Structures are given as structure tokens and as C-alpha cells.
């Protein structure tokens, strides 16, 4: 999805759609930037439309920690609560916010609503308090992998007079937005470092064996992961 934007701009001059030309990167200075094209959408054009390749599809966002880590300084397993809040926002291959009203964003939203009865979300905030089972002498935290909705397609722009020497321009465009759910939430634990033991436990760590054996093949980084 993160392909080169400028080299992906498609342009055609006074020809049918089947005569689309791919602009080489060496001529980048002779073509408008994607941002410039989108700024002309529904402003300096006779026509601006978005043509989706299909309905929104689910994709996974980047897994990341939410909330703060918790430290079990005791010699027995503990159930510890982590309160967290995480916000997902829309992104796109052009790097121009879809939160603006009118212009290319409005064209996109109307097309999606008309084609698939789907309303595009700008942002979603998920807040929870999650219980973590932390073995003795270990650190626990929560990882969240958000669920996003992705739409790919292209913008089509018609100009009444030549724009960068062409009347018709086509811009590939891919964007993601929050689905609006919790996504995948997992709890993780790992051994406490000496510095962490000093900072959070006064330098004292439990020497008692864990109540359950560690997994035979722990995840990379030495932490245990399980659904929250």
C-alpha cells in the first residue's frame, strides 16, 4: 500500500480511458503532485469522481502497547488491572487528511455511501480496563492490534482546459479507517530486569518458581502472550 505516489500517477490526454499513460519518475517535475490534483477536485475541475475497486475490506493495523506496564514484585501470581485508551485514525497513500469537508474527501465519502452504503469513519477511540495474569517477578502489559477498513480505487478528474498539458487525470488512491471495534487485545509478560526491580520493587525479586511452566517456544523477545 505504501508504494511510490508520484510514479503511480496516471494521466491521459484527449484519449479514451483505455489510453491511460504511466508517467515515468524522471518526469516528476512535469506532473502535478497527488496533493495538487486532489486540491483541484471539485474546485478547478469539470468533473471529479472516485471509483472504488470494491467494498471496504478488513485489514490489521500495527500491534502496539496500550496503557502502562504493571510489575508483580510478590512471590505469587497476581491479577492486575490495566486501564487504557487508544485512538485509531484514518490514513491514506497521499498523506492528505480525509477529515476535511468538501472537495476530494466529500467525493470519496459520497462514492462509498452510494456504492456500498458505507459511512467512512474519521477516528475511533477504544477504552477498557483489562485484567492481566502476571506471574511472580514479571512485568505485564497489554498489546492491541486494531481492525481497520481499507478501500482502494482511483480518482478521475476532467479539466475544461489543459492542466499540466492534460485534460484527464487518474490518481490511484488507497485509504484505511477505523472499523470501530476493540480489535485484537492480548496480554503479555516477561521477566523483570534488574533496573526495573530496583525502580518498582526496591531491588527485591521473587525467586519462587512460576506456578505454570513457560511455553516451549516463547514469542520473540522472551515475552509470553495470550488473549486478554
Protein backbone atom coordinates (compact mmCIF):
# COMPACT_ATOMS: atom_id res chain seq x y z
CA UNK A 1 0.00 0.00 0.00
CA UNK A 2 2.96 2.27 0.69
CA UNK A 3 4.06 2.48 -2.96
CA UNK A 4 5.70 5.46 -4.61
CA UNK A 5 2.97 8.05 -5.04
CA UNK A 6 4.39 10.22 -7.80
CA UNK A 7 5.30 7.34 -10.09
CA UNK A 8 1.82 5.90 -9.63
CA UNK A 9 0.03 8.98 -11.08
CA UNK A 10 -1.80 8.11 -14.28
CA UNK A 11 -2.53 10.66 -16.97
CA UNK A 12 -4.26 10.60 -20.38
CA UNK A 13 -4.71 13.41 -22.86
CA UNK A 14 -7.81 13.52 -25.06
CA UNK A 15 -7.99 9.73 -25.34
CA UNK A 16 -10.40 7.05 -24.09
CA UNK A 17 -9.85 5.51 -20.66
CA UNK A 18 -8.05 2.57 -22.25
CA UNK A 19 -5.32 5.01 -23.38
CA UNK A 20 -4.02 5.64 -19.86
CA UNK A 21 -0.32 6.52 -19.72
CA UNK A 22 2.06 5.85 -16.83
CA UNK A 23 4.14 8.91 -16.04
CA UNK A 24 7.83 7.95 -15.52
CA UNK A 25 9.55 9.19 -12.37
CA UNK A 26 12.10 11.10 -14.45
CA UNK A 27 9.30 13.46 -15.48
CA UNK A 28 8.02 14.03 -11.95
CA UNK A 29 8.61 17.77 -12.20
CA UNK A 30 6.30 17.89 -15.26
CA UNK A 31 3.29 16.39 -13.45
CA UNK A 32 1.25 17.64 -10.51
CA UNK A 33 1.75 16.11 -7.09
CA UNK A 34 -1.09 13.94 -5.75
CA UNK A 35 -1.89 16.71 -3.27
CA UNK A 36 -2.16 19.26 -6.09
CA UNK A 37 -4.52 17.00 -8.01
CA UNK A 38 -6.77 16.39 -5.02
CA UNK A 39 -6.88 20.11 -4.25
CA UNK A 40 -8.33 20.63 -7.74
CA UNK A 41 -11.02 18.01 -7.13
CA UNK A 42 -14.47 19.62 -7.21
CA UNK A 43 -12.76 23.01 -7.33
CA UNK A 44 -10.88 23.57 -10.59
CA UNK A 45 -12.37 20.61 -12.45
CA UNK A 46 -15.37 19.99 -14.67
CA UNK A 47 -15.70 16.56 -13.07
CA UNK A 48 -14.11 14.81 -10.10
CA UNK A 49 -15.12 11.32 -9.03
CA UNK A 50 -13.77 8.38 -7.05
CA UNK A 51 -14.13 4.83 -8.38
CA UNK A 52 -13.61 2.17 -5.65
CA UNK A 53 -12.20 -1.21 -6.70
CA UNK A 54 -14.57 -2.95 -4.31
CA UNK A 55 -16.21 -2.74 -0.87
CA UNK A 56 -14.14 -1.95 2.24
CA UNK A 57 -12.09 -4.93 3.40
CA UNK A 58 -10.77 -5.66 6.87
CA UNK A 59 -7.03 -5.31 7.47
CA UNK A 60 -4.97 -5.45 10.64
CA UNK A 61 -3.26 -2.38 12.00
CA UNK A 62 0.10 -2.39 13.75
CA UNK A 63 0.21 -4.16 17.10
CA UNK A 64 1.31 -1.82 19.89
CA UNK A 65 1.24 -1.46 23.65
CA UNK A 66 -1.68 0.34 25.25
CA UNK A 67 -1.74 1.55 28.82
CA UNK A 68 1.18 1.24 31.22
CA UNK A 69 3.17 -1.81 32.27
CA UNK A 70 2.48 -3.45 35.65
CA UNK A 71 5.08 -5.11 37.90
CA UNK A 72 4.49 -8.10 40.13
CA UNK A 73 7.00 -7.77 42.97
CA UNK A 74 5.47 -10.60 45.01
CA UNK A 75 6.36 -14.30 45.12
CA UNK A 76 2.95 -15.44 43.86
CA UNK A 77 0.98 -14.80 40.65
CA UNK A 78 -1.16 -11.67 40.66
CA UNK A 79 -4.15 -10.49 38.64
CA UNK A 80 -3.51 -6.82 37.86
CA UNK A 81 -5.74 -4.33 36.07
CA UNK A 82 -4.57 -2.04 33.27
CA UNK A 83 -6.80 0.85 32.18
CA UNK A 84 -6.09 2.06 28.68
CA UNK A 85 -7.45 4.21 25.87
CA UNK A 86 -6.38 4.02 22.23
CA UNK A 87 -7.47 6.05 19.19
CA UNK A 88 -7.42 4.83 15.58
CA UNK A 89 -7.48 7.41 12.77
CA UNK A 90 -7.78 7.28 9.00
CA UNK A 91 -4.67 7.22 6.79
CA UNK A 92 -4.11 7.22 3.04
CA UNK A 93 -1.37 6.86 0.44
CA UNK A 94 -1.43 10.56 -0.42
CA UNK A 95 -0.93 11.80 3.13
CA UNK A 96 -3.79 14.33 2.98
CA UNK A 97 -6.32 14.15 5.80
CA UNK A 98 -9.76 12.83 4.88
CA UNK A 99 -11.23 14.79 7.78
CA UNK A 100 -11.67 17.90 5.63
CA UNK A 101 -15.17 18.64 4.45
CA UNK A 102 -15.98 19.07 0.78
CA UNK A 103 -13.52 18.63 -2.06
CA UNK A 104 -11.92 15.25 -2.64
CA UNK A 105 -12.94 13.90 0.80
CA UNK A 106 -16.61 14.58 0.18
CA UNK A 107 -16.37 12.98 -3.28
CA UNK A 108 -14.84 9.87 -1.69
CA UNK A 109 -17.46 9.60 1.06
CA UNK A 110 -20.39 10.08 -1.31
CA UNK A 111 -18.99 7.41 -3.65
CA UNK A 112 -18.58 4.93 -0.81
CA UNK A 113 -22.05 5.62 0.56
CA UNK A 114 -23.64 5.33 -2.89
CA UNK A 115 -21.75 2.18 -3.91
CA UNK A 116 -21.76 0.22 -0.64
CA UNK A 117 -23.99 2.12 1.84
CA UNK A 118 -20.91 2.57 3.98
CA UNK A 119 -20.07 5.68 6.01
CA UNK A 120 -16.39 6.48 6.36
CA UNK A 121 -15.14 6.98 9.94
CA UNK A 122 -12.53 9.61 10.74
CA UNK A 123 -11.49 8.21 14.12
CA UNK A 124 -12.45 5.72 16.82
CA UNK A 125 -11.35 5.63 20.46
CA UNK A 126 -11.45 2.36 22.37
CA UNK A 127 -11.21 2.42 26.19
CA UNK A 128 -11.09 -0.58 28.50
CA UNK A 129 -9.80 -1.90 31.79
CA UNK A 130 -8.11 -5.26 31.13
CA UNK A 131 -7.06 -7.80 33.74
CA UNK A 132 -3.59 -9.36 33.30
CA UNK A 133 -2.38 -12.54 34.99
CA UNK A 134 1.24 -11.69 35.93
CA UNK A 135 3.49 -14.43 37.34
CA UNK A 136 5.83 -13.65 40.25
CA UNK A 137 8.70 -11.32 39.44
CA UNK A 138 7.46 -10.47 35.96
CA UNK A 139 6.25 -7.44 34.01
CA UNK A 140 2.84 -7.43 32.34
CA UNK A 141 1.31 -5.21 29.68
CA UNK A 142 -1.44 -5.08 27.05
CA UNK A 143 -0.94 -5.11 23.29
CA UNK A 144 -3.69 -4.08 20.88
CA UNK A 145 -3.91 -4.78 17.15
CA UNK A 146 -6.69 -2.58 15.69
CA UNK A 147 -9.03 -3.71 12.95
CA UNK A 148 -9.13 -1.26 10.04
CA UNK A 149 -11.20 -0.99 6.86
CA UNK A 150 -9.28 -0.45 3.62
CA UNK A 151 -10.59 0.94 0.34
CA UNK A 152 -8.59 1.15 -2.89
CA UNK A 153 -9.57 2.79 -6.14
CA UNK A 154 -8.78 5.83 -8.24
CA UNK A 155 -9.79 9.42 -8.64
CA UNK A 156 -10.83 10.62 -12.09
CA UNK A 157 -10.53 14.32 -12.87
CA UNK A 158 -11.67 16.19 -16.02
CA UNK A 159 -10.43 19.70 -16.72
CA UNK A 160 -12.04 22.24 -19.05
CA UNK A 161 -8.60 23.40 -20.09
CA UNK A 162 -5.27 21.62 -20.04
CA UNK A 163 -3.86 21.02 -16.58
CA UNK A 164 -0.17 20.13 -16.77
CA UNK A 165 -0.80 19.58 -20.50
CA UNK A 166 -3.64 17.08 -20.00
CA UNK A 167 -7.41 17.28 -19.80
CA UNK A 168 -7.92 13.96 -17.94
CA UNK A 169 -6.08 12.71 -14.88
CA UNK A 170 -6.35 9.46 -12.91
CA UNK A 171 -4.88 9.08 -9.42
CA UNK A 172 -4.60 5.69 -7.63
CA UNK A 173 -5.70 6.05 -4.03
CA UNK A 174 -5.82 3.71 -1.01
CA UNK A 175 -7.07 4.65 2.44
CA UNK A 176 -7.83 2.96 5.75
CA UNK A 177 -10.18 3.98 8.53
CA UNK A 178 -11.16 2.51 11.92
CA UNK A 179 -13.69 -0.31 11.90
CA UNK A 180 -14.91 0.84 15.29
CA UNK A 181 -14.24 -2.20 17.48
CA UNK A 182 -11.64 -3.27 20.02
CA UNK A 183 -9.58 -5.24 17.54
CA UNK A 184 -7.29 -7.94 18.94
CA UNK A 185 -6.27 -7.37 22.58
CA UNK A 186 -3.63 -9.65 24.16
CA UNK A 187 -1.82 -9.73 27.48
CA UNK A 188 1.95 -10.19 27.60
CA UNK A 189 4.50 -10.83 30.32
CA UNK A 190 8.28 -11.04 30.54
CA UNK A 191 10.99 -11.25 33.17
CA UNK A 192 11.76 -8.08 35.10
CA UNK A 193 15.19 -6.50 34.53
CA UNK A 194 17.42 -5.61 37.50
CA UNK A 195 16.83 -1.89 36.84
CA UNK A 196 13.07 -2.44 36.84
CA UNK A 197 13.31 -4.47 40.03
CA UNK A 198 15.17 -1.59 41.68
CA UNK A 199 12.75 1.04 40.40
CA UNK A 200 9.49 -0.79 41.09
CA UNK A 201 10.27 -3.41 43.73
CA UNK A 202 13.03 -1.88 45.80
CA UNK A 203 15.57 -4.24 44.25
CA UNK A 204 13.84 -7.39 45.55
CA UNK A 205 12.65 -10.01 43.09
CA UNK A 206 10.76 -13.22 43.74
CA UNK A 207 12.82 -16.39 43.49
CA UNK A 208 9.84 -18.70 43.67
CA UNK A 209 9.31 -20.87 40.56
CA UNK A 210 6.36 -19.94 38.34
CA UNK A 211 3.12 -21.77 39.06
CA UNK A 212 2.86 -22.82 35.41
CA UNK A 213 5.73 -23.90 33.14
CA UNK A 214 6.82 -21.42 30.45
CA UNK A 215 5.81 -22.13 26.84
CA UNK A 216 8.15 -24.41 24.90
CA UNK A 217 8.51 -21.83 22.14
CA UNK A 218 8.14 -18.32 23.65
CA UNK A 219 7.49 -15.37 21.32
CA UNK A 220 10.43 -13.29 20.07
CA UNK A 221 11.80 -11.04 22.78
CA UNK A 222 11.15 -13.56 25.54
CA UNK A 223 7.63 -12.49 26.45
CA UNK A 224 4.59 -14.67 26.90
CA UNK A 225 1.48 -13.66 25.00
CA UNK A 226 -2.13 -14.75 25.47
CA UNK A 227 -5.54 -13.30 24.63
CA UNK A 228 -6.68 -10.69 27.13
